[in-house]
Each structure stands twice: as C-alpha cells, then as structure tokens.
Amino acid sequence: MASVNPAVAEAEAEAVGRRDELSESLAELFTNVSLMVRGELQLALLEKMNDRVSQEYSNYGDIAAGLRVFVEQLNEKNRGFEDYVSQIDAIDQQVTEFEAVVSMLDKHVALLEKKVKSAYHISTTQ
C-alpha cells in the first residue's frame, strides 16, 4: 500500500474545493450574464413595441384629423343646401295651396257645367 501523505491529501482536497467554488462562481456568473442579456433583449423589444404602438396611434391621429376636415367640408356643403331646401319647402307649400285652388275651381266649373247643361236642356225642351 502506498502511503498517503497527509499534506498532499490536504492540498488535493483544498484544490478540489477551490475547483468546486470556481465552478459555482462561473455558473453564477453565466446565470447573471444570461439574465442581463435577456433583460437587455426584453428592453429592446419593449422599446420597439412602444415605438410601433406610438406610430399606430400617430396614424390614427392623422386619420382622425382627415375625417374632421372632411366632416367640416360636408357641414359647409350642407349649409349651402339649406337655402335650396327652404326654397323647395316654400315651393312645395305653394304647390299644395295651388292644388287646393285648382280643386276648388274644378268643383266650381263642374257645378257651372251642370247648370249650363241643365239650362241648355231646359231651353231645348221648350
């Protein structure tokens, strides 16, 4: 049997302990670097998403502004038609009144026609 020198055995145990400690430190360093890189990537992704959403909302604002201008133009055109609409309403009212007068005249003419026929019929029978 080979004799084991206690100093050598102790040095080997200390070296193994240092390797385990170094291995743990390296694993912890790798984990921390991985977390940092992941955090940086997430931050970059979040910034890109924020920029994209900001751009979308900016586009919506442009669309809304365009729609507002379009509605204002339509309102101006509508105000221009209000004069015509009021004229059409006045003409419609006059036509209704005229139809009533024509109907009254038609009844009066029909009555006169009956009287003339009746008078003509009476004069021809005598």
N, C-alpha and C. Protein backbone atom coordinates (compact mmCIF):
# COMPACT_ATOMS: atom_id res chain seq x y z
N MET A 1 0.81 -1.17 0.00
CA MET A 1 0.00 0.00 0.00
C MET A 1 0.86 1.23 0.00
N ALA A 2 0.42 2.12 -0.79
CA ALA A 2 1.19 3.36 -0.86
C ALA A 2 0.76 4.24 0.27
N SER A 3 1.71 4.87 0.81
CA SER A 3 1.36 5.73 1.93
C SER A 3 0.89 7.07 1.38
N VAL A 4 -0.12 7.56 2.02
CA VAL A 4 -0.71 8.84 1.59
C VAL A 4 -0.17 9.90 2.53
N ASN A 5 0.43 10.84 1.93
CA ASN A 5 0.98 11.94 2.70
C ASN A 5 -0.17 12.86 3.07
N PRO A 6 -0.33 13.11 4.36
CA PRO A 6 -1.45 13.95 4.78
C PRO A 6 -1.37 15.35 4.20
N ALA A 7 -0.25 15.92 3.95
CA ALA A 7 -0.13 17.27 3.39
C ALA A 7 -0.60 17.26 1.95
N VAL A 8 -0.26 16.20 1.22
CA VAL A 8 -0.67 16.09 -0.18
C VAL A 8 -2.17 15.90 -0.25
N ALA A 9 -2.69 15.07 0.63
CA ALA A 9 -4.13 14.81 0.64
C ALA A 9 -4.87 16.09 0.97
N GLU A 10 -4.34 16.85 1.89
CA GLU A 10 -5.00 18.10 2.26
C GLU A 10 -4.93 19.08 1.11
N ALA A 11 -3.83 19.16 0.38
CA ALA A 11 -3.67 20.07 -0.75
C ALA A 11 -4.62 19.68 -1.87
N GLU A 12 -4.75 18.35 -2.09
CA GLU A 12 -5.67 17.89 -3.13
C GLU A 12 -7.12 18.23 -2.76
N ALA A 13 -7.49 18.06 -1.51
CA ALA A 13 -8.84 18.38 -1.05
C ALA A 13 -9.09 19.87 -1.19
N GLU A 14 -8.07 20.66 -0.87
CA GLU A 14 -8.23 22.12 -0.99
C GLU A 14 -8.38 22.50 -2.45
N ALA A 15 -7.64 21.85 -3.36
CA ALA A 15 -7.73 22.14 -4.80
C ALA A 15 -9.11 21.76 -5.33
N VAL A 16 -9.64 20.63 -4.87
CA VAL A 16 -10.98 20.19 -5.29
C VAL A 16 -12.01 21.19 -4.77
N GLY A 17 -11.88 21.66 -3.57
CA GLY A 17 -12.79 22.65 -3.00
C GLY A 17 -12.75 23.95 -3.80
N ARG A 18 -11.51 24.35 -4.19
CA ARG A 18 -11.38 25.58 -4.98
C ARG A 18 -12.04 25.40 -6.34
N ARG A 19 -11.87 24.20 -6.94
CA ARG A 19 -12.49 23.95 -8.24
C ARG A 19 -14.01 23.99 -8.12
N ASP A 20 -14.55 23.43 -7.05
CA ASP A 20 -16.00 23.46 -6.83
C ASP A 20 -16.46 24.91 -6.64
N GLU A 21 -15.71 25.68 -5.89
CA GLU A 21 -16.07 27.08 -5.65
C GLU A 21 -15.97 27.87 -6.96
N LEU A 22 -14.91 27.61 -7.76
CA LEU A 22 -14.75 28.27 -9.04
C LEU A 22 -15.87 27.86 -10.00
N SER A 23 -16.20 26.61 -9.98
CA SER A 23 -17.28 26.11 -10.83
C SER A 23 -18.61 26.78 -10.47
N GLU A 24 -18.89 26.90 -9.18
CA GLU A 24 -20.12 27.56 -8.73
C GLU A 24 -20.11 29.04 -9.11
N SER A 25 -18.95 29.68 -8.94
CA SER A 25 -18.84 31.11 -9.30
C SER A 25 -19.06 31.30 -10.79
N LEU A 26 -18.47 30.44 -11.62
CA LEU A 26 -18.65 30.54 -13.06
C LEU A 26 -20.12 30.28 -13.45
N ALA A 27 -20.75 29.32 -12.81
CA ALA A 27 -22.17 29.04 -13.10
C ALA A 27 -23.03 30.25 -12.72
N GLU A 28 -22.73 30.84 -11.57
CA GLU A 28 -23.49 32.01 -11.13
C GLU A 28 -23.24 33.18 -12.09
N LEU A 29 -21.98 33.35 -12.53
CA LEU A 29 -21.65 34.41 -13.48
C LEU A 29 -22.42 34.18 -14.79
N PHE A 30 -22.43 32.97 -15.30
CA PHE A 30 -23.15 32.65 -16.53
C PHE A 30 -24.64 32.94 -16.38
N THR A 31 -25.22 32.56 -15.24
CA THR A 31 -26.63 32.82 -14.98
C THR A 31 -26.91 34.32 -14.95
N ASN A 32 -26.07 35.06 -14.26
CA ASN A 32 -26.26 36.50 -14.18
C ASN A 32 -26.10 37.19 -15.54
N VAL A 33 -25.10 36.76 -16.31
CA VAL A 33 -24.92 37.33 -17.65
C VAL A 33 -26.12 36.98 -18.52
N SER A 34 -26.62 35.76 -18.42
CA SER A 34 -27.80 35.35 -19.19
C SER A 34 -29.00 36.21 -18.81
N LEU A 35 -29.20 36.45 -17.52
CA LEU A 35 -30.31 37.30 -17.07
C LEU A 35 -30.15 38.73 -17.58
N MET A 36 -28.91 39.22 -17.57
CA MET A 36 -28.67 40.58 -18.04
C MET A 36 -28.96 40.68 -19.54
N VAL A 37 -28.48 39.72 -20.32
CA VAL A 37 -28.71 39.73 -21.77
C VAL A 37 -30.21 39.61 -22.06
N ARG A 38 -30.88 38.74 -21.34
CA ARG A 38 -32.33 38.59 -21.53
C ARG A 38 -33.04 39.91 -21.20
N GLY A 39 -32.63 40.54 -20.11
CA GLY A 39 -33.23 41.83 -19.74
C GLY A 39 -33.00 42.89 -20.81
N GLU A 40 -31.79 42.94 -21.36
CA GLU A 40 -31.48 43.89 -22.42
C GLU A 40 -32.33 43.61 -23.66
N LEU A 41 -32.46 42.35 -24.01
CA LEU A 41 -33.28 41.98 -25.18
C LEU A 41 -34.75 42.34 -24.95
N GLN A 42 -35.24 42.07 -23.75
CA GLN A 42 -36.62 42.42 -23.44
C GLN A 42 -36.83 43.93 -23.49
N LEU A 43 -35.86 44.67 -22.99
CA LEU A 43 -35.94 46.13 -23.02
C LEU A 43 -35.96 46.63 -24.47
N ALA A 44 -35.09 46.07 -25.30
CA ALA A 44 -35.04 46.47 -26.71
C ALA A 44 -36.36 46.12 -27.40
N LEU A 45 -36.89 44.95 -27.12
CA LEU A 45 -38.18 44.55 -27.70
C LEU A 45 -39.28 45.48 -27.23
N LEU A 46 -39.30 45.80 -25.96
CA LEU A 46 -40.30 46.70 -25.40
C LEU A 46 -40.22 48.08 -26.05
N GLU A 47 -39.01 48.57 -26.26
CA GLU A 47 -38.84 49.87 -26.91
C GLU A 47 -39.37 49.83 -28.35
N LYS A 48 -39.07 48.75 -29.07
CA LYS A 48 -39.57 48.62 -30.44
C LYS A 48 -41.09 48.54 -30.47
N MET A 49 -41.66 47.78 -29.54
CA MET A 49 -43.12 47.67 -29.47
C MET A 49 -43.73 49.03 -29.14
N ASN A 50 -43.12 49.75 -28.22
CA ASN A 50 -43.60 51.08 -27.85
C ASN A 50 -43.56 52.03 -29.04
N ASP A 51 -42.46 51.98 -29.81
CA ASP A 51 -42.34 52.82 -31.00
C ASP A 51 -43.42 52.47 -32.02
N ARG A 52 -43.67 51.18 -32.19
CA ARG A 52 -44.69 50.73 -33.16
C ARG A 52 -46.08 51.19 -32.74
N VAL A 53 -46.40 51.04 -31.47
CA VAL A 53 -47.72 51.48 -30.97
C VAL A 53 -47.85 52.98 -31.09
N SER A 54 -46.78 53.69 -30.79
CA SER A 54 -46.78 55.15 -30.92
C SER A 54 -47.03 55.55 -32.37
N GLN A 55 -46.40 54.86 -33.29
CA GLN A 55 -46.60 55.14 -34.72
C GLN A 55 -48.04 54.86 -35.13
N GLU A 56 -48.61 53.76 -34.64
CA GLU A 56 -50.00 53.42 -34.95
C GLU A 56 -50.94 54.51 -34.46
N TYR A 57 -50.75 54.93 -33.21
CA TYR A 57 -51.61 55.97 -32.66
C TYR A 57 -51.42 57.29 -33.40
N SER A 58 -50.22 57.55 -33.85
CA SER A 58 -49.98 58.75 -34.65
C SER A 58 -50.75 58.66 -35.96
N ASN A 59 -50.75 57.47 -36.58
CA ASN A 59 -51.52 57.27 -37.81
C ASN A 59 -53.01 57.46 -37.55
N TYR A 60 -53.49 56.95 -36.41
CA TYR A 60 -54.91 57.13 -36.07
C TYR A 60 -55.23 58.61 -35.91
N GLY A 61 -54.30 59.35 -35.33
CA GLY A 61 -54.49 60.78 -35.17
C GLY A 61 -54.58 61.48 -36.52
N ASP A 62 -53.73 61.06 -37.46
CA ASP A 62 -53.77 61.64 -38.81
C ASP A 62 -55.11 61.33 -39.48
N ILE A 63 -55.57 60.10 -39.32
CA ILE A 63 -56.85 59.70 -39.90
C ILE A 63 -57.98 60.52 -39.29
N ALA A 64 -57.95 60.66 -37.97
CA ALA A 64 -59.00 61.44 -37.28
C ALA A 64 -58.98 62.89 -37.74
N ALA A 65 -57.81 63.46 -37.92
CA ALA A 65 -57.72 64.85 -38.39
C ALA A 65 -58.29 64.97 -39.80
N GLY A 66 -57.99 64.00 -40.65
CA GLY A 66 -58.54 64.00 -42.01
C GLY A 66 -60.05 63.87 -42.00
N LEU A 67 -60.56 63.02 -41.13
CA LEU A 67 -62.01 62.86 -41.02
C LEU A 67 -62.66 64.14 -40.51
N ARG A 68 -62.01 64.81 -39.60
CA ARG A 68 -62.56 66.07 -39.06
C ARG A 68 -62.67 67.11 -40.17
N VAL A 69 -61.65 67.21 -41.01
CA VAL A 69 -61.67 68.15 -42.12
C VAL A 69 -62.79 67.77 -43.09
N PHE A 70 -62.94 66.48 -43.36
CA PHE A 70 -63.98 66.01 -44.27
C PHE A 70 -65.37 66.33 -43.73
N VAL A 71 -65.58 66.13 -42.44
CA VAL A 71 -66.87 66.45 -41.82
C VAL A 71 -67.15 67.94 -41.88
N GLU A 72 -66.13 68.75 -41.65
CA GLU A 72 -66.31 70.20 -41.75
C GLU A 72 -66.71 70.60 -43.17
N GLN A 73 -66.09 69.99 -44.17
CA GLN A 73 -66.45 70.28 -45.56
C GLN A 73 -67.89 69.87 -45.85
N LEU A 74 -68.28 68.71 -45.34
CA LEU A 74 -69.65 68.26 -45.53
C LEU A 74 -70.64 69.21 -44.86
N ASN A 75 -70.30 69.67 -43.67
CA ASN A 75 -71.18 70.62 -42.97
C ASN A 75 -71.32 71.92 -43.77
N GLU A 76 -70.23 72.40 -44.36
CA GLU A 76 -70.30 73.61 -45.18
C GLU A 76 -71.21 73.38 -46.39
N LYS A 77 -71.06 72.24 -47.04
CA LYS A 77 -71.92 71.93 -48.18
C LYS A 77 -73.37 71.82 -47.74
N ASN A 78 -73.59 71.23 -46.58
CA ASN A 78 -74.95 71.09 -46.06
C ASN A 78 -75.56 72.47 -45.81
N ARG A 79 -74.78 73.38 -45.26
CA ARG A 79 -75.28 74.73 -45.03
C ARG A 79 -75.63 75.40 -46.36
N GLY A 80 -74.88 75.11 -47.41
CA GLY A 80 -75.17 75.65 -48.73
C GLY A 80 -76.48 75.11 -49.28
N PHE A 81 -76.81 73.88 -48.94
CA PHE A 81 -78.06 73.27 -49.40
C PHE A 81 -79.26 73.71 -48.59
N GLU A 82 -79.04 74.25 -47.41
CA GLU A 82 -80.17 74.67 -46.56
C GLU A 82 -81.02 75.73 -47.25
N ASP A 83 -80.38 76.65 -47.99
CA ASP A 83 -81.15 77.66 -48.73
C ASP A 83 -82.04 76.98 -49.77
N TYR A 84 -81.46 76.01 -50.49
CA TYR A 84 -82.24 75.31 -51.50
C TYR A 84 -83.37 74.51 -50.88
N VAL A 85 -83.11 73.88 -49.75
CA VAL A 85 -84.13 73.09 -49.08
C VAL A 85 -85.28 74.00 -48.63
N SER A 86 -84.95 75.18 -48.10
CA SER A 86 -86.02 76.09 -47.67
C SER A 86 -86.81 76.59 -48.89
N GLN A 87 -86.13 76.82 -50.02
CA GLN A 87 -86.84 77.21 -51.24
C GLN A 87 -87.75 76.09 -51.74
N ILE A 88 -87.26 74.86 -51.68
CA ILE A 88 -88.06 73.71 -52.10
C ILE A 88 -89.27 73.56 -51.19
N ASP A 89 -89.09 73.75 -49.90
CA ASP A 89 -90.22 73.67 -48.96
C ASP A 89 -91.26 74.74 -49.27
N ALA A 90 -90.80 75.97 -49.59
CA ALA A 90 -91.72 77.06 -49.91
C ALA A 90 -92.48 76.74 -51.20
N ILE A 91 -91.77 76.22 -52.20
CA ILE A 91 -92.42 75.83 -53.46
C ILE A 91 -93.43 74.71 -53.21
N ASP A 92 -93.06 73.75 -52.40
CA ASP A 92 -93.97 72.64 -52.07
C ASP A 92 -95.24 73.17 -51.41
N GLN A 93 -95.09 74.11 -50.50
CA GLN A 93 -96.25 74.71 -49.83
C GLN A 93 -97.13 75.44 -50.84
N GLN A 94 -96.50 76.19 -51.76
CA GLN A 94 -97.26 76.91 -52.78
C GLN A 94 -97.99 75.95 -53.71
N VAL A 95 -97.33 74.85 -54.08
CA VAL A 95 -97.96 73.85 -54.95
C VAL A 95 -99.16 73.23 -54.24
N THR A 96 -99.02 72.96 -52.96
CA THR A 96 -100.15 72.39 -52.20
C THR A 96 -101.32 73.37 -52.18
N GLU A 97 -101.03 74.63 -51.94
CA GLU A 97 -102.10 75.64 -51.96
C GLU A 97 -102.70 75.78 -53.35
N PHE A 98 -101.85 75.74 -54.38
CA PHE A 98 -102.32 75.84 -55.76
C PHE A 98 -103.23 74.65 -56.10
N GLU A 99 -102.83 73.45 -55.66
CA GLU A 99 -103.67 72.26 -55.90
C GLU A 99 -105.03 72.41 -55.24
N ALA A 100 -105.06 73.00 -54.05
CA ALA A 100 -106.34 73.22 -53.37
C ALA A 100 -107.20 74.20 -54.17
N VAL A 101 -106.60 75.27 -54.69
CA VAL A 101 -107.34 76.24 -55.50
C VAL A 101 -107.85 75.59 -56.78
N VAL A 102 -106.99 74.79 -57.43
CA VAL A 102 -107.39 74.10 -58.66
C VAL A 102 -108.53 73.14 -58.39
N SER A 103 -108.46 72.44 -57.27
CA SER A 103 -109.54 71.52 -56.91
C SER A 103 -110.84 72.28 -56.69
N MET A 104 -110.77 73.41 -56.02
CA MET A 104 -111.96 74.23 -55.78
C MET A 104 -112.51 74.75 -57.11
N LEU A 105 -111.63 75.22 -57.99
CA LEU A 105 -112.07 75.71 -59.30
C LEU A 105 -112.68 74.59 -60.13
N ASP A 106 -112.09 73.40 -60.04
CA ASP A 106 -112.62 72.25 -60.78
C ASP A 106 -114.05 71.93 -60.31
N LYS A 107 -114.27 71.97 -59.01
CA LYS A 107 -115.62 71.72 -58.49
C LYS A 107 -116.58 72.81 -58.95
N HIS A 108 -116.11 74.05 -58.92
CA HIS A 108 -116.96 75.18 -59.33
C HIS A 108 -117.29 75.07 -60.83
N VAL A 109 -116.27 74.72 -61.65
CA VAL A 109 -116.50 74.55 -63.10
C VAL A 109 -117.47 73.40 -63.34
N ALA A 110 -117.32 72.31 -62.59
CA ALA A 110 -118.24 71.17 -62.74
C ALA A 110 -119.66 71.60 -62.39
N LEU A 111 -119.80 72.39 -61.34
CA LEU A 111 -121.12 72.89 -60.95
C LEU A 111 -121.69 73.81 -62.02
N LEU A 112 -120.87 74.71 -62.55
CA LEU A 112 -121.31 75.59 -63.62
C LEU A 112 -121.68 74.81 -64.87
N GLU A 113 -120.90 73.79 -65.15
CA GLU A 113 -121.18 72.94 -66.32
C GLU A 113 -122.53 72.27 -66.17
N LYS A 114 -122.84 71.78 -64.99
CA LYS A 114 -124.14 71.16 -64.74
C LYS A 114 -125.25 72.18 -64.93
N LYS A 115 -125.04 73.41 -64.41
CA LYS A 115 -126.05 74.46 -64.54
C LYS A 115 -126.27 74.82 -66.01
N VAL A 116 -125.16 74.92 -66.78
CA VAL A 116 -125.27 75.25 -68.21
C VAL A 116 -125.98 74.14 -68.95
N LYS A 117 -125.62 72.89 -68.67
CA LYS A 117 -126.28 71.75 -69.33
C LYS A 117 -127.75 71.72 -68.97
N SER A 118 -128.00 71.98 -67.67
CA SER A 118 -129.39 71.97 -67.23
C SER A 118 -130.15 73.10 -67.92
N ALA A 119 -129.56 74.29 -68.00
CA ALA A 119 -130.23 75.41 -68.65
C ALA A 119 -130.38 75.14 -70.14
N TYR A 120 -129.40 74.57 -70.77
CA TYR A 120 -129.46 74.25 -72.19
C TYR A 120 -130.50 73.19 -72.45
N HIS A 121 -130.56 72.21 -71.55
CA HIS A 121 -131.53 71.12 -71.68
C HIS A 121 -132.93 71.65 -71.51
N ILE A 122 -133.11 72.56 -70.59
CA ILE A 122 -134.44 73.16 -70.36
C ILE A 122 -134.82 74.02 -71.57
N SER A 123 -133.90 74.78 -72.14
CA SER A 123 -134.22 75.64 -73.26
C SER A 123 -134.48 74.85 -74.53
N THR A 124 -133.88 73.72 -74.71
CA THR A 124 -134.10 72.91 -75.89
C THR A 124 -135.38 72.11 -75.78
N THR A 125 -135.83 71.83 -74.61
CA THR A 125 -137.08 71.08 -74.43
C THR A 125 -138.28 72.02 -74.50
N GLN A 126 -138.18 73.25 -74.45
CA GLN A 126 -139.33 74.15 -74.50
C GLN A 126 -139.65 74.57 -75.86
